[in-house]
Amino acid sequence: MSEDLKRKRSGGRTGNARRAGGHAITQMPWRIPVNPDRPIEPMGPEGVEAIHKGAMAILRDIGIRFLNDEGLELLARAGCKVDGQTVRMDEDFVMEMVGRAPAEFTITPRNPDRILPMGGRNILFGNVSSPPNYWDLERGKVSGFMDGFRDFIKLTQYFNCIHFAGGYPVEPIDIHPAVRHLDCIYEKLVLTDKVVHAYSLGKERVEDAMEMVRIAGGLTHDEFRATPRMFTNINSVSPLKHDFPMIDGALRMARAGQAVIVTPFTLAGAMAPVTMSGAVTLSIAEALAAIALIQYAVPGAPVMIGTFTSNVDMKSGAPAFGTPEYMRATQMTGQMARFYGLPLRSSGVCAANIPDGQAMWETSNSLWAAVQSGTNLVYHAAGWLEGGLIASPEKFIMDCEVLQMIQRYMEPEVWATAPEDIAIGTIAEVGPDGHYFGCQHTQDRYTTAFYQPFVSDWRNFEAWQIDGSVWTPERANRIFHAIMAEFEAPPMDPGIHEELRAFVDRRKAEGGAPTDF
């Protein structure tokens, strides 16, 4: 190896440290990734038509059970056939309602510089949401707790490749469920200035969340309702059901002008047919039923269709994620979302129990399926383990490395073909006997030419060994603690903060949301 090459090779890591300027990591700036690629479409037009016709047959002949009286009343008023809690709707009605939904919309958080465009070619990434357990290298697996929740929210704010704060990144079970939503939404709004999600788990939780987002944004009630400021995600109860609180929350959010994502959770072989086309067809039917209801109640309401179709391990019945079948189901649902003119949500998920090789290849499969499908919003893009039962800060940081790589992959500079990119003059200058390390063309670009990792280690084995043989989760753990040490919450007007705190205290004194314990 030449001396120039040795210097370049050994200097890359120290160069990164110098550029970090004392910060935990050097990361990409905030940006809205735009997916330049044509989506992968495994089905031909006849396949899309077959799934559409199958979904319409389910809605027309089998029906969807709505466990929500208001939803039943609305759909009966719309002319659907209502038999007890089972609703049947014909294709003309469904397509008319779906046609009311906007193909694109925006969501504006308290920091308008963080506005998110939904739909089109945009792809946005969010934090892990809803695991009941926490895992890191020091504690191992433990039940979720509020300090862990706060740490994940800090990571959500810190990383520029994370665009929104989804549901609770870990469920803080040390906070009573009656007031948990108040503490969690408060921490989200104070520790981040990004778009936030609210769970549709009862009237009080939804109404409280909307009021808190309104206060944090310094908005009047009319300003809050004028444009989406937040969103919720509802899941069907597969097979063929929508429950009371999810539909209730979806209607409340839509009537307040806020965005709703409808995501059936269909596991092939358990909650859906074992074939992926059957599982996708069931998922589409369940999603369109709720979207049709929302559009009948609130024409033009901002909605998205979600996919969470995967398979189970037929030996154990456990959910599997990041599988070849999961990838194809995501791509197939992308085709259907484009057929209906709806923005698409998918996920970055895995079944691994710790942040190991399995965790990363399954998550990478999930994330690249999102890219390939034309997904617009990626839930659980960082931090997910054990099929959604564990959230891990080390995994969060490792996933953010992958997200940054995907963002870099999408930058037009990577495949630019201007004369200075083709570089014929430089090729002639170097000739057959030189190298490109020292030429001016390289010197002008060496700091920005290639992706620069913050957790990957590109040194050779001996250098890695001399430096302590630190494995990737250990490096991620060190970065996690460094980020926590330097984290600063985004600014919030003191008067707004005081009003928000007062609202939380008042609602806590009133008992928060009713529970049966």
Protein backbone atom coordinates (compact mmCIF):
# COMPACT_ATOMS: atom_id res chain seq x y z
CA MET A 1 0.00 0.00 0.00
CA SER A 2 1.35 3.44 -0.92
CA GLU A 3 2.07 6.02 1.79
CA ASP A 4 -0.62 8.28 0.32
CA LEU A 5 -3.15 5.47 0.55
CA LYS A 6 -2.14 4.67 4.14
CA ARG A 7 -2.61 8.31 5.12
CA LYS A 8 -5.99 8.46 3.49
CA ARG A 9 -7.10 5.20 5.07
CA SER A 10 -5.97 6.02 8.60
CA GLY A 11 -6.99 9.66 8.38
CA GLY A 12 -10.62 9.05 7.53
CA ARG A 13 -11.73 8.22 11.06
CA THR A 14 -9.71 10.97 12.74
CA GLY A 15 -10.97 13.35 10.08
CA ASN A 16 -14.51 12.45 11.10
CA ALA A 17 -13.66 13.17 14.73
CA ARG A 18 -12.22 16.55 13.83
CA ARG A 19 -15.26 17.48 11.77
CA ALA A 20 -17.54 16.47 14.64
CA GLY A 21 -16.30 19.53 16.52
CA GLY A 22 -16.80 17.87 19.89
CA HIS A 23 -20.33 16.64 19.14
CA ALA A 24 -21.36 13.01 19.69
CA ILE A 25 -21.57 12.44 15.94
CA THR A 26 -21.48 14.28 12.65
CA GLN A 27 -24.78 13.66 10.89
CA MET A 28 -26.57 14.73 7.74
CA PRO A 29 -28.60 17.94 7.94
CA TRP A 30 -32.38 17.87 8.16
CA ARG A 31 -33.94 17.27 4.77
CA ILE A 32 -37.06 15.77 3.23
CA PRO A 33 -35.89 12.73 1.24
CA VAL A 34 -37.34 12.44 -2.25
CA ASN A 35 -37.38 8.95 -3.75
CA PRO A 36 -36.18 9.23 -7.37
CA ASP A 37 -36.67 5.58 -8.30
CA ARG A 38 -39.54 3.92 -10.08
CA PRO A 39 -41.29 1.64 -7.59
CA ILE A 40 -40.96 -2.10 -7.90
CA GLU A 41 -44.28 -3.52 -9.06
CA PRO A 42 -44.39 -7.31 -8.82
CA MET A 43 -47.99 -7.45 -10.08
CA GLY A 44 -49.12 -6.64 -13.59
CA PRO A 45 -52.34 -4.69 -14.22
CA GLU A 46 -54.31 -7.93 -14.00
CA GLY A 47 -52.92 -8.57 -10.51
CA VAL A 48 -53.89 -5.11 -9.30
CA GLU A 49 -57.36 -5.62 -10.74
CA ALA A 50 -57.66 -9.05 -9.08
CA ILE A 51 -56.83 -7.67 -5.63
CA HIS A 52 -59.14 -4.69 -6.15
CA LYS A 53 -62.02 -6.94 -7.21
CA GLY A 54 -61.28 -9.28 -4.31
CA ALA A 55 -61.38 -6.38 -1.83
CA MET A 56 -64.63 -5.13 -3.35
CA ALA A 57 -66.14 -8.63 -3.05
CA ILE A 58 -65.20 -8.74 0.64
CA LEU A 59 -66.80 -5.34 1.24
CA ARG A 60 -69.91 -6.16 -0.81
CA ASP A 61 -70.59 -9.79 0.12
CA ILE A 62 -68.85 -10.56 3.42
CA GLY A 63 -68.76 -7.17 5.07
CA ILE A 64 -66.73 -5.51 7.81
CA ARG A 65 -67.80 -5.46 11.45
CA PHE A 66 -67.78 -1.97 12.99
CA LEU A 67 -67.88 -2.02 16.79
CA ASN A 68 -68.77 1.67 16.87
CA ASP A 69 -72.37 2.89 16.91
CA GLU A 70 -71.61 6.26 15.35
CA GLY A 71 -69.76 4.58 12.51
CA LEU A 72 -72.70 2.25 11.94
CA GLU A 73 -75.16 5.16 11.92
CA LEU A 74 -73.05 7.11 9.42
CA LEU A 75 -72.67 4.17 7.07
CA ALA A 76 -76.39 3.37 7.26
CA ARG A 77 -77.11 7.00 6.40
CA ALA A 78 -74.74 6.66 3.44
CA GLY A 79 -76.85 3.81 2.07
CA CYS A 80 -74.63 0.90 3.08
CA LYS A 81 -76.26 -2.36 4.19
CA VAL A 82 -76.00 -2.59 7.96
CA ASP A 83 -76.89 -5.90 9.62
CA GLY A 84 -76.22 -5.63 13.33
CA GLN A 85 -72.57 -4.55 13.44
CA THR A 86 -71.70 -5.88 9.97
CA VAL A 87 -71.55 -3.34 7.15
CA ARG A 88 -71.60 -4.16 3.45
CA MET A 89 -70.78 -1.48 0.92
CA ASP A 90 -70.69 -1.57 -2.86
CA GLU A 91 -67.82 -0.63 -5.15
CA ASP A 92 -69.38 2.59 -6.42
CA PHE A 93 -69.72 3.95 -2.89
CA VAL A 94 -66.22 2.91 -1.86
CA MET A 95 -64.56 4.39 -4.94
CA GLU A 96 -66.55 7.62 -4.65
CA MET A 97 -65.48 8.03 -1.03
CA VAL A 98 -61.83 7.12 -1.70
CA GLY A 99 -61.84 9.62 -4.57
CA ARG A 100 -62.54 12.40 -2.05
CA ALA A 101 -59.23 11.84 -0.24
CA PRO A 102 -56.31 14.12 -1.17
CA ALA A 103 -53.34 12.46 -2.87
CA GLU A 104 -50.97 14.82 -1.03
CA PHE A 105 -51.13 17.05 2.05
CA THR A 106 -48.83 18.54 4.68
CA ILE A 107 -48.54 18.33 8.45
CA THR A 108 -47.11 21.38 10.25
CA PRO A 109 -45.67 20.98 13.78
CA ARG A 110 -44.90 23.76 16.27
CA ASN A 111 -41.69 24.44 14.33
CA PRO A 112 -42.86 25.28 10.80
CA ASP A 113 -39.37 24.53 9.48
CA ARG A 114 -40.20 20.87 10.20
CA ILE A 115 -43.30 20.77 7.98
CA LEU A 116 -43.81 17.34 6.44
CA PRO A 117 -45.17 16.78 2.91
CA MET A 118 -47.22 13.58 2.75
CA GLY A 119 -47.52 11.76 -0.54
CA GLY A 120 -45.84 12.23 -3.88
CA ARG A 121 -42.28 10.92 -3.96
CA ASN A 122 -41.47 11.97 -0.40
CA ILE A 123 -40.38 9.33 2.10
CA LEU A 124 -40.28 10.19 5.81
CA PHE A 125 -38.96 8.17 8.74
CA GLY A 126 -40.22 7.94 12.32
CA ASN A 127 -39.14 6.44 15.63
CA VAL A 128 -40.12 3.08 17.04
CA SER A 129 -43.59 3.16 18.58
CA SER A 130 -45.46 1.20 21.25
CA PRO A 131 -43.12 -1.52 22.61
CA PRO A 132 -43.90 -2.39 26.24
CA ASN A 133 -40.25 -3.27 26.98
CA TYR A 134 -36.88 -1.53 26.90
CA TRP A 135 -33.47 -3.10 26.21
CA ASP A 136 -29.97 -1.68 26.37
CA LEU A 137 -26.53 -3.08 27.06
CA GLU A 138 -26.53 -2.02 30.72
CA ARG A 139 -30.04 -3.02 31.80
CA GLY A 140 -30.94 -5.86 29.48
CA LYS A 141 -34.67 -6.29 28.93
CA VAL A 142 -36.88 -4.38 31.37
CA SER A 143 -40.42 -3.02 31.35
CA GLY A 144 -40.86 0.41 29.82
CA PHE A 145 -40.27 3.43 32.09
CA MET A 146 -40.58 7.20 31.73
CA ASP A 147 -36.87 8.02 31.76
CA GLY A 148 -36.39 5.54 28.94
CA PHE A 149 -39.31 7.15 27.09
CA ARG A 150 -37.66 10.56 27.43
CA ASP A 151 -34.36 9.22 26.13
CA PHE A 152 -36.04 7.90 23.00
CA ILE A 153 -37.80 11.21 22.45
CA LYS A 154 -34.42 12.94 22.75
CA LEU A 155 -33.01 10.58 20.13
CA THR A 156 -36.03 11.34 17.94
CA GLN A 157 -35.29 15.06 18.14
CA TYR A 158 -31.52 14.66 17.83
CA PHE A 159 -31.39 12.66 14.61
CA ASN A 160 -32.12 14.65 11.48
CA CYS A 161 -33.03 11.46 9.59
CA ILE A 162 -36.00 11.01 11.95
CA HIS A 163 -38.80 13.23 10.71
CA PHE A 164 -41.64 12.65 13.15
CA ALA A 165 -42.33 11.45 16.69
CA GLY A 166 -44.62 8.46 16.33
CA GLY A 167 -46.42 6.75 19.20
CA TYR A 168 -44.75 6.16 22.55
CA PRO A 169 -41.29 4.82 21.62
CA VAL A 170 -41.55 2.69 24.74
CA GLU A 171 -44.62 2.41 26.94
CA PRO A 172 -43.83 4.01 30.34
CA ILE A 173 -45.73 1.62 32.57
CA ASP A 174 -44.51 3.45 35.67
CA ILE A 175 -47.06 6.16 34.79
CA HIS A 176 -50.73 5.33 35.41
CA PRO A 177 -52.72 4.85 32.18
CA ALA A 178 -55.24 7.50 33.23
CA VAL A 179 -52.62 10.24 32.90
CA ARG A 180 -49.91 8.55 30.84
CA HIS A 181 -51.01 10.27 27.64
CA LEU A 182 -50.68 13.68 29.31
CA ASP A 183 -47.11 13.09 30.43
CA CYS A 184 -46.09 11.45 27.16
CA ILE A 185 -47.53 14.09 24.83
CA TYR A 186 -46.10 16.81 27.08
CA GLU A 187 -42.60 15.31 26.85
CA LYS A 188 -42.95 14.94 23.08
CA LEU A 189 -43.95 18.55 22.65
CA VAL A 190 -41.28 19.93 24.96
CA LEU A 191 -38.37 17.70 23.90
CA THR A 192 -39.11 17.81 20.15
CA ASP A 193 -40.35 20.34 17.64
CA LYS A 194 -41.29 17.68 15.08
CA VAL A 195 -44.69 16.36 14.00
CA VAL A 196 -46.25 14.20 16.71
CA HIS A 197 -48.69 11.29 16.72
CA ALA A 198 -51.57 10.68 19.12
CA TYR A 199 -53.13 7.32 19.90
CA SER A 200 -56.83 6.81 19.19
CA LEU A 201 -57.58 5.25 22.56
CA GLY A 202 -60.70 7.01 23.76
CA LYS A 203 -62.25 10.45 23.60
CA GLU A 204 -60.24 12.00 26.42
CA ARG A 205 -56.84 10.92 25.10
CA VAL A 206 -57.54 12.19 21.59
CA GLU A 207 -59.10 15.47 22.69
CA ASP A 208 -56.31 16.12 25.22
CA ALA A 209 -53.62 15.42 22.62
CA MET A 210 -55.16 17.78 20.09
CA GLU A 211 -55.49 20.55 22.67
CA MET A 212 -51.88 20.10 23.75
CA VAL A 213 -50.61 20.28 20.17
CA ARG A 214 -52.70 23.40 19.64
CA ILE A 215 -51.26 25.06 22.76
CA ALA A 216 -47.68 24.07 21.92
CA GLY A 217 -48.05 25.58 18.46
CA GLY A 218 -49.36 28.87 19.86
CA LEU A 219 -52.48 28.41 17.69
CA THR A 220 -56.06 29.54 17.94
CA HIS A 221 -58.69 26.83 17.61
CA ASP A 222 -59.43 27.97 14.05
CA GLU A 223 -55.72 27.93 13.13
CA PHE A 224 -55.36 24.42 14.50
CA ARG A 225 -58.30 23.14 12.48
CA ALA A 226 -57.31 24.94 9.28
CA THR A 227 -54.48 22.56 8.38
CA PRO A 228 -53.12 19.26 9.73
CA ARG A 229 -50.85 19.75 12.74
CA MET A 230 -50.62 16.13 13.93
CA PHE A 231 -51.85 12.66 13.04
CA THR A 232 -53.16 9.39 14.39
CA ASN A 233 -52.85 5.82 13.17
CA ILE A 234 -55.65 3.31 13.59
CA ASN A 235 -55.44 -0.45 13.14
CA SER A 236 -58.23 -2.79 12.18
CA VAL A 237 -58.81 -5.83 14.34
CA SER A 238 -58.08 -8.40 11.68
CA PRO A 239 -59.88 -10.24 10.39
CA LEU A 240 -62.75 -8.00 9.28
CA LYS A 241 -63.27 -5.72 12.30
CA HIS A 242 -62.81 -2.09 13.35
CA ASP A 243 -63.10 -1.44 17.07
CA PHE A 244 -64.80 1.39 18.97
CA PRO A 245 -61.93 3.61 20.18
CA MET A 246 -59.97 3.56 16.91
CA ILE A 247 -62.96 4.64 14.81
CA ASP A 248 -64.00 7.16 17.46
CA GLY A 249 -60.52 8.71 17.47
CA ALA A 250 -60.29 8.69 13.67
CA LEU A 251 -63.57 10.59 13.36
CA ARG A 252 -62.59 13.10 16.05
CA MET A 253 -59.24 13.77 14.41
CA ALA A 254 -60.72 14.06 10.91
CA ARG A 255 -63.42 16.48 12.08
CA ALA A 256 -60.69 18.62 13.65
CA GLY A 257 -58.81 18.72 10.34
CA GLN A 258 -56.06 16.32 11.43
CA ALA A 259 -54.57 13.41 9.50
CA VAL A 260 -55.56 9.76 9.93
CA ILE A 261 -53.61 6.69 8.82
CA VAL A 262 -55.55 3.42 8.48
CA THR A 263 -53.24 0.40 8.87
CA PRO A 264 -54.65 -3.12 9.04
CA PHE A 265 -52.36 -5.58 10.82
CA THR A 266 -52.69 -8.75 8.77
CA LEU A 267 -50.35 -11.66 9.50
CA ALA A 268 -50.60 -14.25 6.75
CA GLY A 269 -51.41 -17.66 8.15
CA ALA A 270 -52.89 -16.27 11.40
CA MET A 271 -55.10 -13.19 10.96
CA ALA A 272 -55.24 -13.41 7.16
CA PRO A 273 -55.00 -16.03 4.40
CA VAL A 274 -51.65 -17.78 4.19
CA THR A 275 -51.10 -16.46 0.66
CA MET A 276 -49.69 -12.95 0.37
CA SER A 277 -52.23 -11.92 -2.26
CA GLY A 278 -55.02 -13.08 0.05
CA ALA A 279 -53.50 -11.22 3.02
CA VAL A 280 -53.04 -8.04 0.98
CA THR A 281 -56.60 -8.28 -0.36
CA LEU A 282 -58.01 -8.57 3.16
CA SER A 283 -55.83 -5.66 4.30
CA ILE A 284 -57.02 -3.46 1.45
CA ALA A 285 -60.67 -4.24 2.20
CA GLU A 286 -60.30 -3.42 5.89
CA ALA A 287 -58.44 -0.18 5.16
CA LEU A 288 -60.85 1.05 2.49
CA ALA A 289 -63.85 0.41 4.74
CA ALA A 290 -62.52 2.83 7.37
CA ILE A 291 -61.29 5.35 4.79
CA ALA A 292 -64.74 5.33 3.14
CA LEU A 293 -66.35 6.04 6.52
CA ILE A 294 -63.95 8.90 7.24
CA GLN A 295 -64.48 10.44 3.81
CA TYR A 296 -68.25 10.20 4.14
CA ALA A 297 -68.13 11.93 7.51
CA VAL A 298 -65.50 14.51 6.51
CA PRO A 299 -65.12 14.83 2.72
CA GLY A 300 -61.53 15.57 1.76
CA ALA A 301 -60.08 14.62 5.14
CA PRO A 302 -56.32 13.91 4.95
CA VAL A 303 -55.84 10.14 5.15
CA MET A 304 -53.19 7.55 4.34
CA ILE A 305 -53.43 3.83 3.73
CA GLY A 306 -51.02 1.68 5.71
CA THR A 307 -49.54 -1.75 5.24
CA PHE A 308 -48.50 -4.05 8.04
CA THR A 309 -48.83 -7.35 6.22
CA SER A 310 -46.30 -10.02 7.04
CA ASN A 311 -46.27 -13.71 7.85
CA VAL A 312 -45.98 -15.89 10.92
CA ASP A 313 -43.45 -18.57 11.72
CA MET A 314 -45.54 -21.63 10.95
CA LYS A 315 -43.55 -23.64 13.52
CA SER A 316 -44.27 -21.36 16.48
CA GLY A 317 -46.97 -18.93 15.36
CA ALA A 318 -44.69 -15.98 16.19
CA PRO A 319 -44.82 -12.95 13.88
CA ALA A 320 -41.97 -12.68 11.38
CA PHE A 321 -40.79 -9.42 9.83
CA GLY A 322 -38.34 -8.39 7.16
CA THR A 323 -39.08 -11.63 5.31
CA PRO A 324 -39.22 -12.00 1.52
CA GLU A 325 -43.00 -12.27 1.86
CA TYR A 326 -43.13 -9.07 3.92
CA MET A 327 -41.16 -7.25 1.23
CA ARG A 328 -43.43 -8.41 -1.57
CA ALA A 329 -46.58 -7.59 0.42
CA THR A 330 -45.27 -4.06 0.97
CA GLN A 331 -44.52 -3.65 -2.74
CA MET A 332 -47.95 -5.04 -3.66
CA THR A 333 -49.69 -2.66 -1.27
CA GLY A 334 -47.71 0.19 -2.82
CA GLN A 335 -49.25 -0.70 -6.16
CA MET A 336 -52.71 -0.68 -4.62
CA ALA A 337 -52.11 2.67 -2.88
CA ARG A 338 -51.20 4.23 -6.23
CA PHE A 339 -54.27 2.59 -7.81
CA TYR A 340 -56.46 4.35 -5.22
CA GLY A 341 -54.49 7.60 -5.26
CA LEU A 342 -53.62 7.42 -1.54
CA PRO A 343 -50.34 8.14 0.27
CA LEU A 344 -48.75 5.02 1.77
CA ARG A 345 -47.41 4.14 5.23
CA SER A 346 -45.20 1.10 5.92
CA SER A 347 -42.69 0.10 8.63
CA GLY A 348 -39.08 -0.72 9.48
CA VAL A 349 -39.41 -3.90 11.51
CA CYS A 350 -37.69 -7.14 12.55
CA ALA A 351 -38.25 -10.18 14.73
CA ALA A 352 -34.76 -10.22 16.31
CA ASN A 353 -34.45 -10.00 20.09
CA ILE A 354 -31.21 -7.97 20.32
CA PRO A 355 -29.45 -5.57 17.93
CA ASP A 356 -27.50 -8.27 16.13
CA GLY A 357 -27.01 -9.30 12.51
CA GLN A 358 -30.52 -10.70 12.23
CA ALA A 359 -31.95 -7.44 13.51
CA MET A 360 -30.13 -5.43 10.88
CA TRP A 361 -30.77 -7.63 7.85
CA GLU A 362 -34.47 -7.94 8.66
CA THR A 363 -34.79 -4.20 9.30
CA SER A 364 -32.84 -3.38 6.14
CA ASN A 365 -35.18 -5.65 4.17
CA SER A 366 -38.14 -3.78 5.66
CA LEU A 367 -36.67 -0.35 4.97
CA TRP A 368 -35.69 -1.15 1.41
CA ALA A 369 -39.15 -2.60 0.83
CA ALA A 370 -40.48 0.81 1.92
CA VAL A 371 -38.22 2.51 -0.62
CA GLN A 372 -39.14 0.04 -3.36
CA SER A 373 -42.88 0.32 -2.70
CA GLY A 374 -43.07 4.11 -2.95
CA THR A 375 -43.88 4.43 0.76
CA ASN A 376 -44.35 7.99 2.00
CA LEU A 377 -44.24 7.46 5.78
CA VAL A 378 -42.16 4.78 7.52
CA TYR A 379 -43.19 3.89 11.06
CA HIS A 380 -40.77 2.15 13.45
CA ALA A 381 -37.81 3.11 11.27
CA ALA A 382 -35.41 3.20 14.23
CA GLY A 383 -35.27 1.19 17.46
CA TRP A 384 -37.64 -1.78 16.92
CA LEU A 385 -36.85 -5.28 18.25
CA GLU A 386 -38.67 -8.56 19.10
CA GLY A 387 -41.55 -8.01 16.72
CA GLY A 388 -42.40 -4.72 18.41
CA LEU A 389 -42.12 -5.87 22.01
CA ILE A 390 -38.75 -4.18 22.66
CA ALA A 391 -37.36 -0.71 21.98
CA SER A 392 -33.57 -0.35 22.08
CA PRO A 393 -31.47 2.83 21.97
CA GLU A 394 -28.54 0.91 20.47
CA LYS A 395 -30.80 -0.42 17.72
CA PHE A 396 -32.18 3.11 17.22
CA ILE A 397 -28.71 4.44 16.53
CA MET A 398 -27.75 1.53 14.28
CA ASP A 399 -30.96 2.00 12.30
CA CYS A 400 -30.24 5.71 11.87
CA GLU A 401 -27.01 4.74 10.13
CA VAL A 402 -29.08 2.75 7.62
CA LEU A 403 -31.56 5.63 7.23
CA GLN A 404 -28.76 8.05 6.48
CA MET A 405 -27.38 5.64 3.90
CA ILE A 406 -30.79 5.44 2.25
CA GLN A 407 -31.00 9.23 2.21
CA ARG A 408 -27.55 9.46 0.66
CA TYR A 409 -28.55 6.86 -1.93
CA MET A 410 -31.39 9.19 -2.96
CA GLU A 411 -29.22 12.30 -3.45
CA PRO A 412 -28.93 13.17 -7.18
CA GLU A 413 -25.24 14.02 -6.73
CA VAL A 414 -24.49 10.30 -6.40
CA TRP A 415 -25.40 9.58 -10.03
CA ALA A 416 -24.78 13.02 -11.57
CA THR A 417 -23.32 12.96 -15.09
CA ALA A 418 -22.22 16.56 -15.71
CA PRO A 419 -18.77 16.99 -17.35
CA GLU A 420 -17.14 17.56 -13.96
CA ASP A 421 -18.65 14.27 -12.77
CA ILE A 422 -17.54 12.27 -15.81
CA ALA A 423 -14.11 13.88 -15.23
CA ILE A 424 -12.46 13.09 -18.57
CA GLY A 425 -9.76 15.71 -17.95
CA THR A 426 -8.88 14.17 -14.59
CA ILE A 427 -8.75 10.69 -16.10
CA ALA A 428 -6.31 12.00 -18.72
CA GLU A 429 -4.27 13.82 -16.06
CA VAL A 430 -3.84 10.74 -13.87
CA GLY A 431 -3.30 8.35 -16.77
CA PRO A 432 -2.42 4.68 -16.35
CA ASP A 433 0.43 5.16 -13.88
CA GLY A 434 -0.97 7.56 -11.29
CA HIS A 435 -3.64 7.52 -8.61
CA TYR A 436 -6.54 9.77 -7.77
CA PHE A 437 -5.86 10.51 -4.10
CA GLY A 438 -3.72 13.57 -4.71
CA CYS A 439 -5.28 15.07 -7.83
CA GLN A 440 -7.20 18.35 -7.57
CA HIS A 441 -10.50 16.77 -8.63
CA THR A 442 -10.38 14.52 -5.56
CA GLN A 443 -9.04 17.21 -3.23
CA ASP A 444 -11.94 19.47 -4.14
CA ARG A 445 -14.49 16.77 -3.26
CA TYR A 446 -12.98 14.37 -0.74
CA THR A 447 -15.02 15.58 2.25
CA THR A 448 -18.36 15.22 0.47
CA ALA A 449 -17.79 12.60 -2.23
CA PHE A 450 -18.91 9.59 -0.20
CA TYR A 451 -21.19 8.76 2.70
CA GLN A 452 -19.45 9.22 6.04
CA PRO A 453 -20.63 6.77 8.73
CA PHE A 454 -21.00 7.61 12.40
CA VAL A 455 -21.36 4.11 13.87
CA SER A 456 -19.89 1.82 11.19
CA ASP A 457 -16.17 1.09 11.56
CA TRP A 458 -14.34 0.90 8.23
CA ARG A 459 -10.88 0.16 9.63
CA ASN A 460 -9.15 -3.14 9.00
CA PHE A 461 -9.26 -5.95 11.55
CA GLU A 462 -5.91 -5.16 13.17
CA ALA A 463 -6.72 -1.48 13.70
CA TRP A 464 -10.15 -2.41 15.08
CA GLN A 465 -8.56 -4.98 17.40
CA ILE A 466 -5.90 -2.58 18.69
CA ASP A 467 -8.66 -0.08 19.47
CA GLY A 468 -10.45 -2.54 21.74
CA SER A 469 -12.39 -4.84 19.36
CA VAL A 470 -15.58 -2.85 19.96
CA TRP A 471 -18.65 -4.45 18.35
CA THR A 472 -21.32 -2.34 16.69
CA PRO A 473 -23.90 -2.37 19.55
CA GLU A 474 -21.15 -1.27 21.95
CA ARG A 475 -20.22 1.64 19.68
CA ALA A 476 -23.91 2.53 19.42
CA ASN A 477 -24.20 2.44 23.21
CA ARG A 478 -21.30 4.90 23.57
CA ILE A 479 -22.90 7.21 21.01
CA PHE A 480 -26.23 6.97 22.84
CA HIS A 481 -24.68 8.15 26.10
CA ALA A 482 -22.77 10.93 24.33
CA ILE A 483 -25.99 12.18 22.72
CA MET A 484 -27.81 12.16 26.04
CA ALA A 485 -24.98 14.15 27.63
CA GLU A 486 -25.09 16.92 25.04
CA PHE A 487 -28.84 16.98 24.26
CA GLU A 488 -30.60 20.34 24.38
CA ALA A 489 -34.35 20.62 24.00
CA PRO A 490 -35.60 22.87 21.18
CA PRO A 491 -36.72 26.32 22.33
CA MET A 492 -40.31 26.94 23.39
CA ASP A 493 -41.83 30.28 24.30
CA PRO A 494 -42.02 30.44 28.13
CA GLY A 495 -45.62 31.59 28.07
CA ILE A 496 -46.63 28.70 25.82
CA HIS A 497 -44.70 26.27 28.00
CA GLU A 498 -46.47 27.57 31.09
CA GLU A 499 -49.89 27.22 29.41
CA LEU A 500 -49.07 23.68 28.31
CA ARG A 501 -47.89 22.70 31.80
CA ALA A 502 -51.01 24.21 33.33
CA PHE A 503 -53.26 22.23 30.98
CA VAL A 504 -51.49 18.98 31.88
CA ASP A 505 -51.72 19.72 35.61
CA ARG A 506 -55.42 20.58 35.36
CA ARG A 507 -56.27 17.43 33.39
CA LYS A 508 -54.33 15.31 35.84
CA ALA A 509 -56.24 16.85 38.72
CA GLU A 510 -59.47 15.99 36.88
CA GLY A 511 -58.37 12.37 36.61
CA GLY A 512 -57.23 12.26 32.99
CA ALA A 513 -58.81 9.44 30.96
CA PRO A 514 -61.18 7.00 32.69
CA THR A 515 -59.85 3.51 33.41
CA ASP A 516 -61.30 0.49 35.19
CA PHE A 517 -58.51 0.44 37.80
